[in-house]
């Protein structure tokens, strides 16, 4: 016995789309090697080199952790001084 086509189960879920990698080369899409990491400016900046293209790319990952913690500590200190 075969089922009518309206009763056959079809997969409704689609696989999740792959998120673009921050370490993938914007030119060729291959993974890049980490060359340098700096947080001195308050932002987490990393320099990557693509061996295939020979290009270097600077990626900004947002504020550095030490900067976030320092700003939070300053805000707490201000609140303490205001509250006595």
N, C-alpha and C. Protein backbone atom coordinates (compact mmCIF):
# COMPACT_ATOMS: atom_id res chain seq x y z
N UNK A 1 0.84 -1.18 0.00
CA UNK A 1 0.00 0.00 0.00
C UNK A 1 0.89 1.25 0.00
N UNK A 2 0.60 2.19 -0.83
CA UNK A 2 1.35 3.44 -0.87
C UNK A 2 0.46 4.57 -0.39
N UNK A 3 1.08 5.54 0.23
CA UNK A 3 0.35 6.69 0.74
C UNK A 3 0.13 7.71 -0.37
N UNK A 4 -0.98 8.40 -0.31
CA UNK A 4 -1.17 9.48 -1.29
C UNK A 4 -0.13 10.57 -1.07
N UNK A 5 0.19 11.30 -2.11
CA UNK A 5 1.25 12.29 -2.03
C UNK A 5 0.94 13.40 -1.03
N UNK A 6 -0.33 13.67 -0.76
CA UNK A 6 -0.66 14.73 0.20
C UNK A 6 -0.38 14.30 1.63
N UNK A 7 -0.19 13.02 1.88
CA UNK A 7 0.06 12.53 3.23
C UNK A 7 1.52 12.18 3.49
N UNK A 8 2.36 12.29 2.50
CA UNK A 8 3.76 11.96 2.73
C UNK A 8 4.43 13.07 3.54
N UNK A 9 5.29 12.67 4.41
CA UNK A 9 5.99 13.63 5.26
C UNK A 9 7.14 14.27 4.51
N UNK A 10 7.20 15.56 4.59
CA UNK A 10 8.29 16.29 3.97
C UNK A 10 9.03 17.04 5.06
N UNK A 11 10.33 17.04 5.01
CA UNK A 11 11.07 17.78 6.04
C UNK A 11 10.78 19.28 5.93
N UNK A 12 10.39 19.87 7.04
CA UNK A 12 10.07 21.30 7.04
C UNK A 12 11.21 22.14 7.55
N UNK A 13 12.09 21.53 8.29
CA UNK A 13 13.22 22.27 8.84
C UNK A 13 14.30 22.42 7.79
N UNK A 14 14.84 23.59 7.75
CA UNK A 14 15.98 23.85 6.87
C UNK A 14 17.22 23.96 7.74
N UNK A 15 18.33 23.49 7.26
CA UNK A 15 19.55 23.63 8.06
C UNK A 15 19.87 25.11 8.26
N UNK A 16 20.41 25.39 9.42
CA UNK A 16 20.76 26.78 9.75
C UNK A 16 21.84 27.28 8.80
N UNK A 17 21.68 28.52 8.40
CA UNK A 17 22.68 29.12 7.51
C UNK A 17 23.97 29.33 8.28
N UNK A 18 25.06 29.04 7.65
CA UNK A 18 26.35 29.21 8.29
C UNK A 18 26.63 30.71 8.47
N UNK A 19 27.02 31.08 9.69
CA UNK A 19 27.35 32.48 9.96
C UNK A 19 28.72 32.79 9.37
N UNK A 20 28.88 33.98 8.83
CA UNK A 20 30.19 34.32 8.28
C UNK A 20 31.22 34.40 9.41
N UNK A 21 32.37 33.87 9.15
CA UNK A 21 33.44 33.86 10.14
C UNK A 21 34.20 35.17 10.09
N UNK A 22 34.55 35.71 11.25
CA UNK A 22 35.34 36.93 11.30
C UNK A 22 36.79 36.69 10.92
N UNK A 23 37.20 35.42 10.96
CA UNK A 23 38.58 35.10 10.60
C UNK A 23 38.70 34.62 9.16
N UNK A 24 37.61 34.69 8.39
CA UNK A 24 37.67 34.32 6.98
C UNK A 24 38.09 35.53 6.16
N UNK A 25 38.90 35.31 5.18
CA UNK A 25 39.38 36.39 4.32
C UNK A 25 38.20 36.97 3.54
N UNK A 26 38.04 38.30 3.56
CA UNK A 26 36.93 38.90 2.81
C UNK A 26 37.11 38.78 1.30
N UNK A 27 38.33 38.54 0.84
CA UNK A 27 38.58 38.43 -0.60
C UNK A 27 38.33 37.02 -1.13
N UNK A 28 38.93 36.02 -0.47
CA UNK A 28 38.83 34.65 -1.01
C UNK A 28 38.03 33.71 -0.12
N UNK A 29 37.73 34.11 1.14
CA UNK A 29 36.91 33.29 2.02
C UNK A 29 37.66 32.23 2.81
N UNK A 30 38.95 32.12 2.63
CA UNK A 30 39.74 31.13 3.37
C UNK A 30 40.08 31.65 4.77
N UNK A 31 40.41 30.73 5.68
CA UNK A 31 40.79 31.13 7.03
C UNK A 31 42.12 31.87 7.03
N UNK A 32 42.20 32.87 7.90
CA UNK A 32 43.43 33.67 8.00
C UNK A 32 44.15 33.33 9.30
N UNK A 33 45.43 33.65 9.35
CA UNK A 33 46.26 33.42 10.54
C UNK A 33 46.34 34.71 11.35
N UNK A 34 46.23 34.57 12.70
CA UNK A 34 46.35 35.72 13.59
C UNK A 34 47.81 36.16 13.65
N UNK A 35 48.04 37.45 13.38
CA UNK A 35 49.39 38.00 13.38
C UNK A 35 49.62 38.83 14.65
N UNK A 36 48.66 39.69 15.00
CA UNK A 36 48.83 40.60 16.13
C UNK A 36 47.48 40.88 16.78
N UNK A 37 47.50 41.07 18.10
CA UNK A 37 46.30 41.45 18.85
C UNK A 37 46.67 42.64 19.72
N UNK A 38 45.86 43.71 19.67
CA UNK A 38 46.12 44.87 20.50
C UNK A 38 44.82 45.37 21.12
N UNK A 39 44.91 45.78 22.40
CA UNK A 39 43.75 46.33 23.10
C UNK A 39 44.10 47.67 23.74
N UNK A 40 45.24 48.25 23.38
CA UNK A 40 45.70 49.48 24.04
C UNK A 40 44.78 50.66 23.80
N UNK A 41 44.08 50.69 22.69
CA UNK A 41 43.21 51.82 22.37
C UNK A 41 41.84 51.70 23.02
N UNK A 42 41.58 50.59 23.70
CA UNK A 42 40.27 50.36 24.32
C UNK A 42 39.36 49.50 23.46
N UNK A 43 39.81 49.18 22.27
CA UNK A 43 39.05 48.28 21.42
C UNK A 43 39.91 47.06 21.10
N UNK A 44 39.26 45.93 20.91
CA UNK A 44 39.95 44.68 20.64
C UNK A 44 40.18 44.57 19.13
N UNK A 45 41.39 44.93 18.69
CA UNK A 45 41.72 44.90 17.26
C UNK A 45 42.72 43.78 17.02
N UNK A 46 42.45 43.01 16.00
CA UNK A 46 43.34 41.90 15.65
C UNK A 46 43.72 41.99 14.18
N UNK A 47 44.97 41.71 13.90
CA UNK A 47 45.46 41.72 12.53
C UNK A 47 45.63 40.27 12.07
N UNK A 48 45.02 39.96 10.94
CA UNK A 48 45.09 38.62 10.36
C UNK A 48 45.75 38.70 9.00
N UNK A 49 46.45 37.63 8.61
CA UNK A 49 47.07 37.55 7.30
C UNK A 49 46.51 36.32 6.57
N UNK A 50 46.12 36.54 5.33
CA UNK A 50 45.65 35.45 4.48
C UNK A 50 46.85 34.93 3.69
N UNK A 51 47.21 33.68 3.90
CA UNK A 51 48.37 33.11 3.21
C UNK A 51 48.09 32.98 1.71
N UNK A 52 46.85 32.72 1.35
CA UNK A 52 46.51 32.53 -0.07
C UNK A 52 46.62 33.84 -0.84
N UNK A 53 46.03 34.91 -0.31
CA UNK A 53 46.05 36.22 -0.99
C UNK A 53 47.30 37.02 -0.68
N UNK A 54 47.88 36.78 0.50
CA UNK A 54 49.02 37.58 0.94
C UNK A 54 48.61 38.93 1.52
N UNK A 55 47.31 39.13 1.75
CA UNK A 55 46.80 40.40 2.28
C UNK A 55 46.68 40.33 3.80
N UNK A 56 46.83 41.48 4.45
CA UNK A 56 46.60 41.58 5.89
C UNK A 56 45.32 42.37 6.11
N UNK A 57 44.51 41.91 7.06
CA UNK A 57 43.23 42.55 7.36
C UNK A 57 43.15 42.81 8.86
N UNK A 58 42.68 43.99 9.24
CA UNK A 58 42.48 44.36 10.63
C UNK A 58 41.00 44.19 10.95
N UNK A 59 40.71 43.39 11.99
CA UNK A 59 39.32 43.12 12.39
C UNK A 59 39.11 43.72 13.77
N UNK A 60 38.07 44.52 13.92
CA UNK A 60 37.73 45.13 15.20
C UNK A 60 36.65 44.28 15.86
N UNK A 61 36.96 43.69 17.01
CA UNK A 61 36.03 42.82 17.73
C UNK A 61 35.23 43.59 18.78
N UNK A 62 35.28 44.91 18.76
CA UNK A 62 34.51 45.71 19.71
C UNK A 62 35.36 46.16 20.88
N UNK A 63 34.70 46.64 21.95
CA UNK A 63 35.47 47.14 23.10
C UNK A 63 36.24 46.02 23.79
N UNK A 64 37.41 46.39 24.29
CA UNK A 64 38.24 45.42 25.02
C UNK A 64 37.62 45.15 26.39
N UNK A 65 37.84 43.95 26.90
CA UNK A 65 37.27 43.56 28.18
C UNK A 65 37.75 44.47 29.30
N UNK A 66 39.04 44.83 29.31
CA UNK A 66 39.55 45.69 30.38
C UNK A 66 38.86 47.05 30.37
N UNK A 67 38.48 47.53 29.18
CA UNK A 67 37.82 48.83 29.06
C UNK A 67 36.40 48.75 29.64
N UNK A 68 35.70 47.68 29.36
CA UNK A 68 34.34 47.48 29.88
C UNK A 68 34.37 47.40 31.40
N UNK A 69 35.31 46.63 31.95
CA UNK A 69 35.41 46.49 33.40
C UNK A 69 35.82 47.79 34.07
N UNK A 70 36.72 48.53 33.44
CA UNK A 70 37.16 49.81 33.99
C UNK A 70 36.01 50.82 34.02
N UNK A 71 35.23 50.88 32.94
CA UNK A 71 34.09 51.79 32.90
C UNK A 71 33.05 51.43 33.95
N UNK A 72 32.82 50.13 34.16
CA UNK A 72 31.85 49.69 35.16
C UNK A 72 32.34 50.05 36.56
N UNK A 73 33.63 49.89 36.81
CA UNK A 73 34.19 50.23 38.13
C UNK A 73 34.07 51.73 38.39
N UNK A 74 34.33 52.55 37.38
CA UNK A 74 34.20 54.00 37.53
C UNK A 74 32.77 54.39 37.84
N UNK A 75 31.81 53.75 37.18
CA UNK A 75 30.40 54.05 37.44
C UNK A 75 30.03 53.66 38.87
N UNK A 76 30.54 52.53 39.36
CA UNK A 76 30.27 52.12 40.74
C UNK A 76 30.89 53.09 41.74
N UNK A 77 32.10 53.55 41.45
CA UNK A 77 32.76 54.51 42.34
C UNK A 77 31.98 55.83 42.41
N UNK A 78 31.46 56.27 41.29
CA UNK A 78 30.65 57.50 41.27
C UNK A 78 29.39 57.35 42.12
N UNK A 79 28.73 56.19 41.98
CA UNK A 79 27.51 55.94 42.76
C UNK A 79 27.80 55.91 44.26
N UNK A 80 28.94 55.31 44.63
CA UNK A 80 29.31 55.26 46.04
C UNK A 80 29.56 56.65 46.60
N UNK A 81 30.22 57.50 45.83
CA UNK A 81 30.50 58.85 46.30
C UNK A 81 29.22 59.66 46.43
N UNK A 82 28.28 59.45 45.53
CA UNK A 82 27.02 60.19 45.59
C UNK A 82 26.14 59.74 46.75
N UNK A 83 26.18 58.44 47.07
CA UNK A 83 25.34 57.88 48.13
C UNK A 83 25.99 58.01 49.51
N UNK A 84 27.18 58.45 49.57
CA UNK A 84 27.82 58.71 50.85
C UNK A 84 28.72 57.68 51.28
